[in-house]
Amino acid sequence: MALDVAEAKKAILEFCASKNKTKFYFNDFTKLFPDEKSRDVKKILTALVNEEAMEFWSSGSTTMYGVKGAGKQHASEGED
């Protein structure tokens, strides 16, 4: 991966903060890094989830990413 992991994490969190929505598809993040392999972008997103900076959100058929604590996430929907 040519991209610095810390810089990529920062870019992802800044991207999320700059939008008027709270849930993002995986492809939203691959567009941020067009020269990177999608697998490498996935590793960065997984690291952010493991660090609890971001979290998964699932509608049942689609899994999305969201900044932890932003918007309507699983904790506010009554799920544990």
Protein backbone atom coordinates (compact mmCIF):
# COMPACT_ATOMS: atom_id res chain seq x y z
CA MET A 1 0.00 0.00 0.00
CA ALA A 2 1.50 3.31 -1.07
CA LEU A 3 -0.79 5.26 1.24
CA ASP A 4 0.18 6.01 4.84
CA VAL A 5 -2.32 4.28 7.15
CA ALA A 6 -2.53 7.17 9.63
CA GLU A 7 -3.12 9.66 6.82
CA ALA A 8 -5.75 7.38 5.27
CA LYS A 9 -7.61 7.10 8.58
CA LYS A 10 -7.54 10.87 8.95
CA ALA A 11 -8.81 11.34 5.37
CA ILE A 12 -11.69 8.91 5.96
CA LEU A 13 -12.79 10.61 9.18
CA GLU A 14 -12.54 14.08 7.56
CA PHE A 15 -14.57 12.83 4.58
CA CYS A 16 -17.31 11.56 6.91
CA ALA A 17 -17.37 14.82 8.86
CA SER A 18 -17.66 16.88 5.68
CA LYS A 19 -20.84 15.15 4.47
CA ASN A 20 -24.45 15.74 5.48
CA LYS A 21 -25.06 12.05 5.98
CA THR A 22 -24.01 9.61 8.69
CA LYS A 23 -23.86 6.27 6.87
CA PHE A 24 -21.57 5.43 3.97
CA TYR A 25 -21.20 2.56 1.54
CA PHE A 26 -17.83 0.86 1.14
CA ASN A 27 -17.60 2.25 -2.40
CA ASP A 28 -17.78 5.80 -1.02
CA PHE A 29 -14.38 5.16 0.57
CA THR A 30 -12.80 3.41 -2.40
CA LYS A 31 -13.48 6.58 -4.41
CA LEU A 32 -11.31 8.50 -1.91
CA PHE A 33 -8.35 6.29 -2.82
CA PRO A 34 -8.74 5.46 -6.53
CA ASP A 35 -5.16 4.20 -6.86
CA GLU A 36 -5.44 1.77 -3.95
CA LYS A 37 -6.76 -1.77 -3.97
CA SER A 38 -10.19 -2.13 -2.39
CA ARG A 39 -8.75 -4.74 -0.03
CA ASP A 40 -6.32 -2.15 1.38
CA VAL A 41 -9.14 0.36 1.89
CA LYS A 42 -11.14 -2.36 3.67
CA LYS A 43 -8.20 -2.98 6.03
CA ILE A 44 -8.13 0.70 6.98
CA LEU A 45 -11.89 0.76 7.59
CA THR A 46 -11.65 -2.40 9.68
CA ALA A 47 -8.88 -0.81 11.76
CA LEU A 48 -11.11 2.23 12.37
CA VAL A 49 -13.96 -0.07 13.47
CA ASN A 50 -11.59 -2.01 15.77
CA GLU A 51 -10.40 1.29 17.26
CA GLU A 52 -14.07 2.23 17.76
CA ALA A 53 -13.73 5.39 15.71
CA MET A 54 -16.27 3.97 13.25
CA GLU A 55 -18.91 1.27 13.40
CA PHE A 56 -20.85 -1.00 11.10
CA TRP A 57 -24.52 -0.42 10.42
CA SER A 58 -26.65 -3.04 8.75
CA SER A 59 -30.09 -2.77 7.25
CA GLY A 60 -30.24 -6.52 6.95
CA SER A 61 -29.28 -6.57 3.31
CA THR A 62 -26.61 -3.88 3.19
CA THR A 63 -23.74 -3.13 5.54
CA MET A 64 -22.62 0.45 5.81
CA TYR A 65 -20.05 2.37 7.83
CA GLY A 66 -20.69 5.27 10.16
CA VAL A 67 -18.72 7.39 12.58
CA LYS A 68 -19.23 6.02 16.07
CA GLY A 69 -21.92 8.00 17.87
CA ALA A 70 -23.00 10.03 14.83
CA GLY A 71 -26.53 9.76 13.50
CA LYS A 72 -28.97 6.97 14.14
CA GLN A 73 -26.82 3.93 14.83
CA HIS A 74 -27.54 0.53 16.34
CA ALA A 75 -27.36 1.70 19.97
CA SER A 76 -30.11 4.24 19.44
CA GLU A 77 -32.25 1.71 17.61
CA GLY A 78 -32.64 -0.51 20.66
CA GLU A 79 -30.24 -3.22 19.53
CA ASP A 80 -27.34 -4.39 21.66
